[in-house]
């Protein structure tokens, strides 16, 4: 069921005119208008209340996050200020893990005889 078109509205108006009569129809229109206005007012108030409650909940969540994050930030700052070599140590530690490139003499596999690229005495 979609929105009412012009033929449907005309049919409803004619039925209402026949059922209620021409004298009662303006009163029904006013009552219907008041009812719709009150419904929209209540809907807007409910939406405003909902939005306010949602904002309050978001603020409480944000405040809770800040109360947790602030001590963590202070602890991290204290650790970093107490150990200024922390950043240098990480770089040195990383560099010490990098293996130097192998030379030609170390490229031979263990257990294999040396390559015959060197001249022998025969």
PDB file of N, CA and C in Angstrom:
ATOM      1  N   UNK A   1       0.833  -1.159   0.000  1.00  0.00           N
ATOM      2  CA  UNK A   1       0.000   0.000   0.000  1.00  0.00           C
ATOM      3  C   UNK A   1       0.887   1.234   0.000  1.00  0.00           C
ATOM      4  N   UNK A   2       0.820   1.956  -1.060  1.00  0.00           N
ATOM      5  CA  UNK A   2       1.590   3.171  -1.185  1.00  0.00           C
ATOM      6  C   UNK A   2       0.774   4.381  -0.771  1.00  0.00           C
ATOM      7  N   UNK A   3       1.293   5.548  -1.071  1.00  0.00           N
ATOM      8  CA  UNK A   3       0.556   6.764  -0.735  1.00  0.00           C
ATOM      9  C   UNK A   3      -0.738   6.871  -1.541  1.00  0.00           C
ATOM     10  N   UNK A   4      -1.690   7.604  -0.984  1.00  0.00           N
ATOM     11  CA  UNK A   4      -2.985   7.756  -1.644  1.00  0.00           C
ATOM     12  C   UNK A   4      -2.862   8.723  -2.812  1.00  0.00           C
ATOM     13  N   UNK A   5      -3.471   8.379  -3.921  1.00  0.00           N
ATOM     14  CA  UNK A   5      -3.501   9.253  -5.080  1.00  0.00           C
ATOM     15  C   UNK A   5      -4.739  10.133  -5.049  1.00  0.00           C
ATOM     16  N   UNK A   6      -4.886  10.982  -6.035  1.00  0.00           N
ATOM     17  CA  UNK A   6      -6.014  11.896  -6.112  1.00  0.00           C
ATOM     18  C   UNK A   6      -7.357  11.156  -6.221  1.00  0.00           C
ATOM     19  N   UNK A   7      -7.476  10.097  -7.034  1.00  0.00           N
ATOM     20  CA  UNK A   7      -8.767   9.388  -7.087  1.00  0.00           C
ATOM     21  C   UNK A   7      -9.172   8.771  -5.748  1.00  0.00           C
ATOM     22  N   UNK A   8      -8.216   8.238  -5.013  1.00  0.00           N
ATOM     23  CA  UNK A   8      -8.530   7.637  -3.712  1.00  0.00           C
ATOM     24  C   UNK A   8      -9.001   8.697  -2.721  1.00  0.00           C
ATOM     25  N   UNK A   9      -8.330   9.860  -2.715  1.00  0.00           N
ATOM     26  CA  UNK A   9      -8.709  10.938  -1.794  1.00  0.00           C
ATOM     27  C   UNK A   9     -10.125  11.423  -2.107  1.00  0.00           C
ATOM     28  N   UNK A  10     -10.453  11.582  -3.383  1.00  0.00           N
ATOM     29  CA  UNK A  10     -11.794  12.019  -3.781  1.00  0.00           C
ATOM     30  C   UNK A  10     -12.839  10.996  -3.348  1.00  0.00           C
ATOM     31  N   UNK A  11     -12.543   9.710  -3.516  1.00  0.00           N
ATOM     32  CA  UNK A  11     -13.477   8.654  -3.118  1.00  0.00           C
ATOM     33  C   UNK A  11     -13.703   8.681  -1.600  1.00  0.00           C
ATOM     34  N   UNK A  12     -12.644   8.849  -0.830  1.00  0.00           N
ATOM     35  CA  UNK A  12     -12.771   8.915   0.634  1.00  0.00           C
ATOM     36  C   UNK A  12     -13.600  10.134   1.029  1.00  0.00           C
ATOM     37  N   UNK A  13     -13.359  11.279   0.385  1.00  0.00           N
ATOM     38  CA  UNK A  13     -14.113  12.495   0.688  1.00  0.00           C
ATOM     39  C   UNK A  13     -15.605  12.304   0.406  1.00  0.00           C
ATOM     40  N   UNK A  14     -15.938  11.686  -0.719  1.00  0.00           N
ATOM     41  CA  UNK A  14     -17.346  11.465  -1.070  1.00  0.00           C
ATOM     42  C   UNK A  14     -18.007  10.517  -0.072  1.00  0.00           C
ATOM     43  N   UNK A  15     -17.315   9.455   0.316  1.00  0.00           N
ATOM     44  CA  UNK A  15     -17.870   8.504   1.295  1.00  0.00           C
ATOM     45  C   UNK A  15     -18.082   9.213   2.635  1.00  0.00           C
ATOM     46  N   UNK A  16     -17.100  10.016   3.072  1.00  0.00           N
ATOM     47  CA  UNK A  16     -17.246  10.737   4.342  1.00  0.00           C
ATOM     48  C   UNK A  16     -18.397  11.730   4.275  1.00  0.00           C
ATOM     49  N   UNK A  17     -18.580  12.378   3.129  1.00  0.00           N
ATOM     50  CA  UNK A  17     -19.671  13.342   2.964  1.00  0.00           C
ATOM     51  C   UNK A  17     -21.021  12.654   3.051  1.00  0.00           C
ATOM     52  N   UNK A  18     -21.118  11.454   2.466  1.00  0.00           N
ATOM     53  CA  UNK A  18     -22.377  10.711   2.509  1.00  0.00           C
ATOM     54  C   UNK A  18     -22.643  10.179   3.911  1.00  0.00           C
ATOM     55  N   UNK A  19     -21.617   9.644   4.571  1.00  0.00           N
ATOM     56  CA  UNK A  19     -21.798   9.029   5.887  1.00  0.00           C
ATOM     57  C   UNK A  19     -22.060  10.077   6.963  1.00  0.00           C
ATOM     58  N   UNK A  20     -21.259  11.120   7.022  1.00  0.00           N
ATOM     59  CA  UNK A  20     -21.349  12.090   8.113  1.00  0.00           C
ATOM     60  C   UNK A  20     -22.208  13.308   7.775  1.00  0.00           C
ATOM     61  N   UNK A  21     -22.386  13.620   6.538  1.00  0.00           N
ATOM     62  CA  UNK A  21     -23.190  14.787   6.145  1.00  0.00           C
ATOM     63  C   UNK A  21     -22.346  16.043   6.053  1.00  0.00           C
ATOM     64  N   UNK A  22     -22.865  17.050   5.363  1.00  0.00           N
ATOM     65  CA  UNK A  22     -22.081  18.270   5.149  1.00  0.00           C
ATOM     66  C   UNK A  22     -21.882  19.110   6.421  1.00  0.00           C
ATOM     67  N   UNK A  23     -22.721  18.950   7.427  1.00  0.00           N
ATOM     68  CA  UNK A  23     -22.576  19.750   8.642  1.00  0.00           C
ATOM     69  C   UNK A  23     -21.503  19.196   9.583  1.00  0.00           C
ATOM     70  N   UNK A  24     -21.349  17.905   9.624  1.00  0.00           N
ATOM     71  CA  UNK A  24     -20.377  17.269  10.522  1.00  0.00           C
ATOM     72  C   UNK A  24     -18.964  17.215   9.912  1.00  0.00           C
ATOM     73  N   UNK A  25     -18.853  17.305   8.626  1.00  0.00           N
ATOM     74  CA  UNK A  25     -17.559  17.141   7.952  1.00  0.00           C
ATOM     75  C   UNK A  25     -16.523  18.188   8.397  1.00  0.00           C
ATOM     76  N   UNK A  26     -16.847  19.477   8.524  1.00  0.00           N
ATOM     77  CA  UNK A  26     -15.839  20.444   9.010  1.00  0.00           C
ATOM     78  C   UNK A  26     -15.355  20.128  10.425  1.00  0.00           C
ATOM     79  N   UNK A  27     -16.253  19.678  11.292  1.00  0.00           N
ATOM     80  CA  UNK A  27     -15.844  19.313  12.650  1.00  0.00           C
ATOM     81  C   UNK A  27     -14.887  18.133  12.632  1.00  0.00           C
ATOM     82  N   UNK A  28     -15.191  17.151  11.786  1.00  0.00           N
ATOM     83  CA  UNK A  28     -14.293  15.987  11.672  1.00  0.00           C
ATOM     84  C   UNK A  28     -12.927  16.406  11.142  1.00  0.00           C
ATOM     85  N   UNK A  29     -12.913  17.315  10.198  1.00  0.00           N
ATOM     86  CA  UNK A  29     -11.635  17.815   9.657  1.00  0.00           C
ATOM     87  C   UNK A  29     -10.804  18.503  10.723  1.00  0.00           C
ATOM     88  N   UNK A  30     -11.449  19.337  11.545  1.00  0.00           N
ATOM     89  CA  UNK A  30     -10.742  20.019  12.621  1.00  0.00           C
ATOM     90  C   UNK A  30     -10.202  19.019  13.642  1.00  0.00           C
ATOM     91  N   UNK A  31     -11.057  18.054  13.992  1.00  0.00           N
ATOM     92  CA  UNK A  31     -10.623  17.027  14.957  1.00  0.00           C
ATOM     93  C   UNK A  31      -9.446  16.220  14.411  1.00  0.00           C
ATOM     94  N   UNK A  32      -9.530  15.864  13.154  1.00  0.00           N
ATOM     95  CA  UNK A  32      -8.441  15.114  12.531  1.00  0.00           C
ATOM     96  C   UNK A  32      -7.165  15.948  12.501  1.00  0.00           C
ATOM     97  N   UNK A  33      -7.295  17.230  12.174  1.00  0.00           N
ATOM     98  CA  UNK A  33      -6.133  18.137  12.157  1.00  0.00           C
ATOM     99  C   UNK A  33      -5.499  18.262  13.530  1.00  0.00           C
ATOM    100  N   UNK A  34      -6.332  18.422  14.578  1.00  0.00           N
ATOM    101  CA  UNK A  34      -5.810  18.507  15.943  1.00  0.00           C
ATOM    102  C   UNK A  34      -5.107  17.213  16.339  1.00  0.00           C
ATOM    103  N   UNK A  35      -5.710  16.112  15.994  1.00  0.00           N
ATOM    104  CA  UNK A  35      -5.108  14.810  16.330  1.00  0.00           C
ATOM    105  C   UNK A  35      -3.751  14.629  15.665  1.00  0.00           C
ATOM    106  N   UNK A  36      -3.669  14.976  14.380  1.00  0.00           N
ATOM    107  CA  UNK A  36      -2.376  14.860  13.690  1.00  0.00           C
ATOM    108  C   UNK A  36      -1.337  15.815  14.278  1.00  0.00           C
ATOM    109  N   UNK A  37      -1.753  17.030  14.632  1.00  0.00           N
ATOM    110  CA  UNK A  37      -0.843  18.010  15.222  1.00  0.00           C
ATOM    111  C   UNK A  37      -0.313  17.502  16.563  1.00  0.00           C
ATOM    112  N   UNK A  38      -1.199  16.972  17.402  1.00  0.00           N
ATOM    113  CA  UNK A  38      -0.773  16.434  18.698  1.00  0.00           C
ATOM    114  C   UNK A  38       0.144  15.220  18.527  1.00  0.00           C
ATOM    115  N   UNK A  39      -0.180  14.383  17.549  1.00  0.00           N
ATOM    116  CA  UNK A  39       0.668  13.222  17.287  1.00  0.00           C
ATOM    117  C   UNK A  39       2.071  13.665  16.878  1.00  0.00           C
ATOM    118  N   UNK A  40       2.163  14.646  15.980  1.00  0.00           N
ATOM    119  CA  UNK A  40       3.480  15.132  15.544  1.00  0.00           C
ATOM    120  C   UNK A  40       4.237  15.787  16.696  1.00  0.00           C
ATOM    121  N   UNK A  41       3.520  16.521  17.544  1.00  0.00           N
ATOM    122  CA  UNK A  41       4.151  17.158  18.700  1.00  0.00           C
ATOM    123  C   UNK A  41       4.723  16.098  19.642  1.00  0.00           C
ATOM    124  N   UNK A  42       3.944  15.074  19.924  1.00  0.00           N
ATOM    125  CA  UNK A  42       4.408  13.985  20.799  1.00  0.00           C
ATOM    126  C   UNK A  42       5.590  13.256  20.168  1.00  0.00           C
ATOM    127  N   UNK A  43       5.520  13.050  18.865  1.00  0.00           N
ATOM    128  CA  UNK A  43       6.626  12.379  18.164  1.00  0.00           C
ATOM    129  C   UNK A  43       7.905  13.202  18.263  1.00  0.00           C
ATOM    130  N   UNK A  44       7.802  14.517  18.067  1.00  0.00           N
ATOM    131  CA  UNK A  44       8.983  15.382  18.150  1.00  0.00           C
ATOM    132  C   UNK A  44       9.549  15.432  19.565  1.00  0.00           C
ATOM    133  N   UNK A  45       8.668  15.453  20.576  1.00  0.00           N
ATOM    134  CA  UNK A  45       9.136  15.435  21.959  1.00  0.00           C
ATOM    135  C   UNK A  45       9.850  14.124  22.277  1.00  0.00           C
ATOM    136  N   UNK A  46       9.293  13.027  21.814  1.00  0.00           N
ATOM    137  CA  UNK A  46       9.926  11.729  22.041  1.00  0.00           C
ATOM    138  C   UNK A  46      11.290  11.668  21.365  1.00  0.00           C
ATOM    139  N   UNK A  47      11.368  12.183  20.143  1.00  0.00           N
ATOM    140  CA  UNK A  47      12.647  12.184  19.427  1.00  0.00           C
ATOM    141  C   UNK A  47      13.669  13.054  20.141  1.00  0.00           C
ATOM    142  N   UNK A  48      13.245  14.221  20.634  1.00  0.00           N
ATOM    143  CA  UNK A  48      14.153  15.112  21.361  1.00  0.00           C
ATOM    144  C   UNK A  48      14.660  14.433  22.639  1.00  0.00           C
ATOM    145  N   UNK A  49      13.764  13.770  23.357  1.00  0.00           N
ATOM    146  CA  UNK A  49      14.155  13.062  24.574  1.00  0.00           C
ATOM    147  C   UNK A  49      15.134  11.935  24.253  1.00  0.00           C
ATOM    148  N   UNK A  50      14.856  11.214  23.203  1.00  0.00           N
ATOM    149  CA  UNK A  50      15.732  10.117  22.778  1.00  0.00           C
ATOM    150  C   UNK A  50      17.117  10.646  22.433  1.00  0.00           C
ATOM    151  N   UNK A  51      17.170  11.735  21.660  1.00  0.00           N
ATOM    152  CA  UNK A  51      18.460  12.307  21.273  1.00  0.00           C
ATOM    153  C   UNK A  51      19.237  12.802  22.492  1.00  0.00           C
ATOM    154  N   UNK A  52      18.525  13.408  23.451  1.00  0.00           N
ATOM    155  CA  UNK A  52      19.183  13.881  24.664  1.00  0.00           C
ATOM    156  C   UNK A  52      19.765  12.721  25.462  1.00  0.00           C
ATOM    157  N   UNK A  53      18.995  11.660  25.613  1.00  0.00           N
ATOM    158  CA  UNK A  53      19.488  10.476  26.333  1.00  0.00           C
ATOM    159  C   UNK A  53      20.692   9.863  25.626  1.00  0.00           C
ATOM    160  N   UNK A  54      20.647   9.841  24.312  1.00  0.00           N
ATOM    161  CA  UNK A  54      21.761   9.294  23.532  1.00  0.00           C
ATOM    162  C   UNK A  54      23.017  10.131  23.725  1.00  0.00           C
ATOM    163  N   UNK A  55      22.875  11.464  23.713  1.00  0.00           N
ATOM    164  CA  UNK A  55      24.027  12.340  23.933  1.00  0.00           C
ATOM    165  C   UNK A  55      24.606  12.139  25.327  1.00  0.00           C
ATOM    166  N   UNK A  56      23.741  12.005  26.325  1.00  0.00           N
ATOM    167  CA  UNK A  56      24.219  11.774  27.690  1.00  0.00           C
ATOM    168  C   UNK A  56      24.993  10.459  27.780  1.00  0.00           C
ATOM    169  N   UNK A  57      24.482   9.433  27.141  1.00  0.00           N
ATOM    170  CA  UNK A  57      25.170   8.138  27.164  1.00  0.00           C
ATOM    171  C   UNK A  57      26.522   8.234  26.468  1.00  0.00           C
ATOM    172  N   UNK A  58      26.565   8.940  25.341  1.00  0.00           N
ATOM    173  CA  UNK A  58      27.842   9.101  24.632  1.00  0.00           C
ATOM    174  C   UNK A  58      28.840   9.884  25.481  1.00  0.00           C
ATOM    175  N   UNK A  59      28.359  10.926  26.188  1.00  0.00           N
ATOM    176  CA  UNK A  59      29.249  11.694  27.065  1.00  0.00           C
ATOM    177  C   UNK A  59      29.781  10.830  28.201  1.00  0.00           C
ATOM    178  N   UNK A  60      28.926   9.983  28.778  1.00  0.00           N
ATOM    179  CA  UNK A  60      29.376   9.100  29.845  1.00  0.00           C
ATOM    180  C   UNK A  60      30.420   8.113  29.338  1.00  0.00           C
ATOM    181  N   UNK A  61      30.217   7.591  28.151  1.00  0.00           N
ATOM    182  CA  UNK A  61      31.196   6.662  27.567  1.00  0.00           C
ATOM    183  C   UNK A  61      32.512   7.381  27.315  1.00  0.00           C
ATOM    184  N   UNK A  62      32.432   8.595  26.775  1.00  0.00           N
ATOM    185  CA  UNK A  62      33.642   9.370  26.502  1.00  0.00           C
ATOM    186  C   UNK A  62      34.392   9.663  27.798  1.00  0.00           C
ATOM    187  N   UNK A  63      33.668  10.063  28.854  1.00  0.00           N
ATOM    188  CA  UNK A  63      34.309  10.334  30.141  1.00  0.00           C
ATOM    189  C   UNK A  63      34.943   9.077  30.728  1.00  0.00           C
ATOM    190  N   UNK A  64      34.277   7.941  30.577  1.00  0.00           N
ATOM    191  CA  UNK A  64      34.837   6.686  31.085  1.00  0.00           C
ATOM    192  C   UNK A  64      36.115   6.325  30.332  1.00  0.00           C
ATOM    193  N   UNK A  65      36.115   6.539  29.018  1.00  0.00           N
ATOM    194  CA  UNK A  65      37.325   6.265  28.230  1.00  0.00           C
ATOM    195  C   UNK A  65      38.470   7.160  28.677  1.00  0.00           C
ATOM    196  N   UNK A  66      38.161   8.440  28.911  1.00  0.00           N
ATOM    197  CA  UNK A  66      39.202   9.368  29.333  1.00  0.00           C
ATOM    198  C   UNK A  66      39.770   8.993  30.700  1.00  0.00           C
ATOM    199  N   UNK A  67      38.918   8.530  31.618  1.00  0.00           N
ATOM    200  CA  UNK A  67      39.423   8.153  32.934  1.00  0.00           C
ATOM    201  C   UNK A  67      40.322   6.923  32.841  1.00  0.00           C
ATOM    202  N   UNK A  68      40.112   6.103  31.841  1.00  0.00           N
ATOM    203  CA  UNK A  68      40.974   4.933  31.652  1.00  0.00           C
ATOM    204  C   UNK A  68      42.233   5.323  30.885  1.00  0.00           C
ATOM    205  N   UNK A  69      42.088   6.134  29.851  1.00  0.00           N
ATOM    206  CA  UNK A  69      43.227   6.466  28.990  1.00  0.00           C
ATOM    207  C   UNK A  69      44.238   7.395  29.665  1.00  0.00           C
ATOM    208  N   UNK A  70      43.769   8.314  30.504  1.00  0.00           N
ATOM    209  CA  UNK A  70      44.684   9.289  31.107  1.00  0.00           C
ATOM    210  C   UNK A  70      45.777   8.627  31.948  1.00  0.00           C
ATOM    211  N   UNK A  71      45.474   7.709  32.869  1.00  0.00           N
ATOM    212  CA  UNK A  71      46.557   7.052  33.624  1.00  0.00           C
ATOM    213  C   UNK A  71      47.490   6.250  32.718  1.00  0.00           C
ATOM    214  N   UNK A  72      46.936   5.671  31.667  1.00  0.00           N
ATOM    215  CA  UNK A  72      47.781   4.908  30.748  1.00  0.00           C
ATOM    216  C   UNK A  72      48.752   5.847  30.039  1.00  0.00           C
ATOM    217  N   UNK A  73      48.243   6.995  29.591  1.00  0.00           N
ATOM    218  CA  UNK A  73      49.125   7.974  28.934  1.00  0.00           C
ATOM    219  C   UNK A  73      50.211   8.456  29.892  1.00  0.00           C
ATOM    220  N   UNK A  74      49.827   8.739  31.139  1.00  0.00           N
ATOM    221  CA  UNK A  74      50.808   9.194  32.119  1.00  0.00           C
ATOM    222  C   UNK A  74      51.855   8.132  32.384  1.00  0.00           C
ATOM    223  N   UNK A  75      51.444   6.877  32.460  1.00  0.00           N
ATOM    224  CA  UNK A  75      52.385   5.787  32.690  1.00  0.00           C
ATOM    225  C   UNK A  75      53.351   5.649  31.523  1.00  0.00           C
ATOM    226  N   UNK A  76      52.835   5.735  30.313  1.00  0.00           N
ATOM    227  CA  UNK A  76      53.690   5.632  29.127  1.00  0.00           C
ATOM    228  C   UNK A  76      54.673   6.789  29.087  1.00  0.00           C
ATOM    229  N   UNK A  77      54.201   7.997  29.403  1.00  0.00           N
ATOM    230  CA  UNK A  77      55.093   9.163  29.415  1.00  0.00           C
ATOM    231  C   UNK A  77      56.160   9.005  30.489  1.00  0.00           C
ATOM    232  N   UNK A  78      55.799   8.467  31.652  1.00  0.00           N
ATOM    233  CA  UNK A  78      56.767   8.272  32.731  1.00  0.00           C
ATOM    234  C   UNK A  78      57.810   7.239  32.338  1.00  0.00           C
ATOM    235  N   UNK A  79      57.390   6.165  31.694  1.00  0.00           N
ATOM    236  CA  UNK A  79      58.336   5.131  31.274  1.00  0.00           C
ATOM    237  C   UNK A  79      59.273   5.678  30.212  1.00  0.00           C
ATOM    238  N   UNK A  80      58.743   6.418  29.266  1.00  0.00           N
ATOM    239  CA  UNK A  80      59.583   6.973  28.209  1.00  0.00           C
ATOM    240  C   UNK A  80      60.543   8.028  28.759  1.00  0.00           C
ATOM    241  N   UNK A  81      60.114   8.817  29.726  1.00  0.00           N
ATOM    242  CA  UNK A  81      61.014   9.834  30.288  1.00  0.00           C
ATOM    243  C   UNK A  81      62.053   9.194  31.198  1.00  0.00           C
ATOM    244  N   UNK A  82      61.734   8.086  31.845  1.00  0.00           N
ATOM    245  CA  UNK A  82      62.688   7.412  32.718  1.00  0.00           C
ATOM    246  C   UNK A  82      63.727   6.644  31.919  1.00  0.00           C
ATOM    247  N   UNK A  83      63.417   6.225  30.735  1.00  0.00           N
ATOM    248  CA  UNK A  83      64.326   5.437  29.908  1.00  0.00           C
ATOM    249  C   UNK A  83      64.473   6.119  28.554  1.00  0.00           C
ATOM    250  N   UNK A  84      65.321   7.160  28.454  1.00  0.00           N
ATOM    251  CA  UNK A  84      65.449   7.862  27.173  1.00  0.00           C
ATOM    252  C   UNK A  84      66.108   7.011  26.103  1.00  0.00           C
ATOM    253  N   UNK A  85      66.800   5.949  26.487  1.00  0.00           N
ATOM    254  CA  UNK A  85      67.440   5.088  25.489  1.00  0.00           C
ATOM    255  C   UNK A  85      66.464   4.072  24.920  1.00  0.00           C
ATOM    256  N   UNK A  86      65.246   4.149  25.327  1.00  0.00           N
ATOM    257  CA  UNK A  86      64.230   3.198  24.891  1.00  0.00           C
ATOM    258  C   UNK A  86      64.122   3.173  23.382  1.00  0.00           C
ATOM    259  N   UNK A  87      64.006   4.333  22.759  1.00  0.00           N
ATOM    260  CA  UNK A  87      63.883   4.392  21.301  1.00  0.00           C
ATOM    261  C   UNK A  87      65.172   3.949  20.626  1.00  0.00           C
ATOM    262  N   UNK A  88      66.317   4.364  21.161  1.00  0.00           N
ATOM    263  CA  UNK A  88      67.598   3.964  20.567  1.00  0.00           C
ATOM    264  C   UNK A  88      67.790   2.469  20.734  1.00  0.00           C
ATOM    265  N   UNK A  89      67.407   1.951  21.882  1.00  0.00           N
ATOM    266  CA  UNK A  89      67.536   0.515  22.127  1.00  0.00           C
ATOM    267  C   UNK A  89      66.727  -0.297  21.146  1.00  0.00           C
ATOM    268  N   UNK A  90      65.569   0.171  20.790  1.00  0.00           N
ATOM    269  CA  UNK A  90      64.743  -0.546  19.826  1.00  0.00           C
ATOM    270  C   UNK A  90      65.414  -0.581  18.465  1.00  0.00           C
ATOM    271  N   UNK A  91      65.986   0.570  18.050  1.00  0.00           N
ATOM    272  CA  UNK A  91      66.655   0.608  16.748  1.00  0.00           C
ATOM    273  C   UNK A  91      67.873  -0.301  16.758  1.00  0.00           C
ATOM    274  N   UNK A  92      68.687  -0.244  17.826  1.00  0.00           N
ATOM    275  CA  UNK A  92      69.877  -1.074  17.919  1.00  0.00           C
ATOM    276  C   UNK A  92      69.490  -2.539  17.976  1.00  0.00           C
ATOM    277  N   UNK A  93      68.448  -2.855  18.713  1.00  0.00           N
ATOM    278  CA  UNK A  93      67.991  -4.234  18.812  1.00  0.00           C
ATOM    279  C   UNK A  93      67.561  -4.745  17.441  1.00  0.00           C
ATOM    280  N   UNK A  94      66.873  -3.912  16.693  1.00  0.00           N
ATOM    281  CA  UNK A  94      66.426  -4.309  15.356  1.00  0.00           C
ATOM    282  C   UNK A  94      67.625  -4.494  14.434  1.00  0.00           C
ATOM    283  N   UNK A  95      68.575  -3.589  14.516  1.00  0.00           N
ATOM    284  CA  UNK A  95      69.743  -3.688  13.653  1.00  0.00           C
ATOM    285  C   UNK A  95      70.578  -4.911  13.999  1.00  0.00           C
ATOM    286  N   UNK A  96      70.622  -5.295  15.276  1.00  0.00           N
ATOM    287  CA  UNK A  96      71.415  -6.463  15.661  1.00  0.00           C
ATOM    288  C   UNK A  96      70.768  -7.753  15.167  1.00  0.00           C
ATOM    289  N   UNK A  97      69.488  -7.740  14.914  1.00  0.00           N
ATOM    290  CA  UNK A  97      68.816  -8.934  14.405  1.00  0.00           C
ATOM    291  C   UNK A  97      69.040  -9.138  12.919  1.00  0.00           C
ATOM    292  N   UNK A  98      69.403  -8.090  12.211  1.00  0.00           N
ATOM    293  CA  UNK A  98      69.632  -8.201  10.775  1.00  0.00           C
ATOM    294  C   UNK A  98      70.960  -8.900  10.568  1.00  0.00           C
ATOM    295  N   UNK A  99      70.946  -9.971   9.813  1.00  0.00           N
ATOM    296  CA  UNK A  99      72.160 -10.742   9.577  1.00  0.00           C
ATOM    297  C   UNK A  99      72.956 -10.087   8.457  1.00  0.00           C
ATOM    298  N   UNK A 100      74.275 -10.066   8.594  1.00  0.00           N
ATOM    299  CA  UNK A 100      75.089  -9.485   7.521  1.00  0.00           C
ATOM    300  C   UNK A 100      75.025 -10.379   6.285  1.00  0.00           C
ATOM    301  N   UNK A 101      75.228  -9.807   5.119  1.00  0.00           N
ATOM    302  CA  UNK A 101      75.200 -10.637   3.902  1.00  0.00           C
ATOM    303  C   UNK A 101      76.347 -11.626   3.917  1.00  0.00           C
ATOM    304  N   UNK A 102      76.108 -12.800   3.362  1.00  0.00           N
ATOM    305  CA  UNK A 102      77.122 -13.845   3.346  1.00  0.00           C
ATOM    306  C   UNK A 102      78.128 -13.575   2.233  1.00  0.00           C
ATOM    307  N   UNK A 103      79.373 -13.929   2.511  1.00  0.00           N
ATOM    308  CA  UNK A 103      80.424 -13.776   1.505  1.00  0.00           C
ATOM    309  C   UNK A 103      80.488 -15.029   0.667  1.00  0.00           C
ATOM    310  N   UNK A 104      81.305 -15.024  -0.384  1.00  0.00           N
ATOM    311  CA  UNK A 104      81.421 -16.178  -1.280  1.00  0.00           C
ATOM    312  C   UNK A 104      81.932 -17.409  -0.553  1.00  0.00           C
ATOM    313  N   UNK A 105      82.871 -17.239   0.366  1.00  0.00           N
ATOM    314  CA  UNK A 105      83.435 -18.400   1.055  1.00  0.00           C
ATOM    315  C   UNK A 105      82.415 -19.037   1.983  1.00  0.00           C
ATOM    316  N   UNK A 106      81.498 -18.283   2.483  1.00  0.00           N
ATOM    317  CA  UNK A 106      80.509 -18.864   3.387  1.00  0.00           C
ATOM    318  C   UNK A 106      79.294 -19.372   2.630  1.00  0.00           C
ATOM    319  N   UNK A 107      79.256 -19.193   1.304  1.00  0.00           N
ATOM    320  CA  UNK A 107      78.089 -19.629   0.545  1.00  0.00           C
ATOM    321  C   UNK A 107      78.102 -21.126   0.278  1.00  0.00           C
ATOM    322  N   UNK A 108      79.244 -21.770   0.584  1.00  0.00           N
ATOM    323  CA  UNK A 108      79.290 -23.214   0.380  1.00  0.00           C
ATOM    324  C   UNK A 108      78.483 -23.885   1.482  1.00  0.00           C
ATOM    325  N   UNK A 109      77.827 -24.933   1.114  1.00  0.00           N
ATOM    326  CA  UNK A 109      77.031 -25.668   2.075  1.00  0.00           C
ATOM    327  C   UNK A 109      77.940 -26.535   2.927  1.00  0.00           C
ATOM    328  N   UNK A 110      77.633 -26.732   4.185  1.00  0.00           N
ATOM    329  CA  UNK A 110      78.469 -27.585   5.035  1.00  0.00           C
ATOM    330  C   UNK A 110      78.394 -29.031   4.554  1.00  0.00           C
ATOM    331  N   UNK A 111      79.529 -29.683   4.632  1.00  0.00           N
ATOM    332  CA  UNK A 111      79.592 -31.081   4.236  1.00  0.00           C
ATOM    333  C   UNK A 111      79.927 -31.261   2.767  1.00  0.00           C
ATOM    334  N   UNK A 112      79.991 -30.204   1.987  1.00  0.00           N
ATOM    335  CA  UNK A 112      80.364 -30.316   0.576  1.00  0.00           C
ATOM    336  C   UNK A 112      81.827 -29.927   0.420  1.00  0.00           C
ATOM    337  N   UNK A 113      82.486 -30.543  -0.526  1.00  0.00           N
ATOM    338  CA  UNK A 113      83.898 -30.176  -0.736  1.00  0.00           C
ATOM    339  C   UNK A 113      83.970 -28.758  -1.308  1.00  0.00           C
ATOM    340  N   UNK A 114      85.077 -28.094  -1.105  1.00  0.00           N
ATOM    341  CA  UNK A 114      85.225 -26.765  -1.644  1.00  0.00           C
ATOM    342  C   UNK A 114      85.086 -26.770  -3.160  1.00  0.00           C
ATOM    343  N   UNK A 115      84.644 -25.661  -3.669  1.00  0.00           N
ATOM    344  CA  UNK A 115      84.420 -25.611  -5.111  1.00  0.00           C
ATOM    345  C   UNK A 115      85.755 -25.679  -5.859  1.00  0.00           C
ATOM    346  N   UNK A 116      85.694 -26.118  -7.098  1.00  0.00           N
ATOM    347  CA  UNK A 116      86.922 -26.331  -7.889  1.00  0.00           C
ATOM    348  C   UNK A 116      87.306 -25.073  -8.648  1.00  0.00           C
ATOM    349  N   UNK A 117      86.881 -23.920  -8.186  1.00  0.00           N
ATOM    350  CA  UNK A 117      87.241 -22.699  -8.867  1.00  0.00           C
ATOM    351  C   UNK A 117      88.680 -22.299  -8.592  1.00  0.00           C
ATOM    352  N   UNK A 118      89.265 -22.835  -7.489  1.00  0.00           N
ATOM    353  CA  UNK A 118      90.661 -22.518  -7.194  1.00  0.00           C
ATOM    354  C   UNK A 118      91.537 -23.567  -7.868  1.00  0.00           C
ATOM    355  N   UNK A 119      92.633 -23.136  -8.431  1.00  0.00           N
ATOM    356  CA  UNK A 119      93.514 -24.129  -9.100  1.00  0.00           C
ATOM    357  C   UNK A 119      94.155 -25.063  -8.077  1.00  0.00           C
ATOM    358  N   UNK A 120      94.245 -26.319  -8.456  1.00  0.00           N
ATOM    359  CA  UNK A 120      94.862 -27.311  -7.577  1.00  0.00           C
ATOM    360  C   UNK A 120      96.253 -27.606  -8.085  1.00  0.00           C
ATOM    361  N   UNK A 121      97.046 -28.255  -7.313  1.00  0.00           N
ATOM    362  CA  UNK A 121      98.432 -28.529  -7.658  1.00  0.00           C
ATOM    363  C   UNK A 121      98.609 -29.679  -8.618  1.00  0.00           C
ATOM    364  N   UNK A 122      97.684 -30.256  -9.237  1.00  0.00           N
ATOM    365  CA  UNK A 122      97.891 -31.407 -10.095  1.00  0.00           C
ATOM    366  C   UNK A 122      98.196 -31.075 -11.488  1.00  0.00           C
TER     367      UNK A 122
END
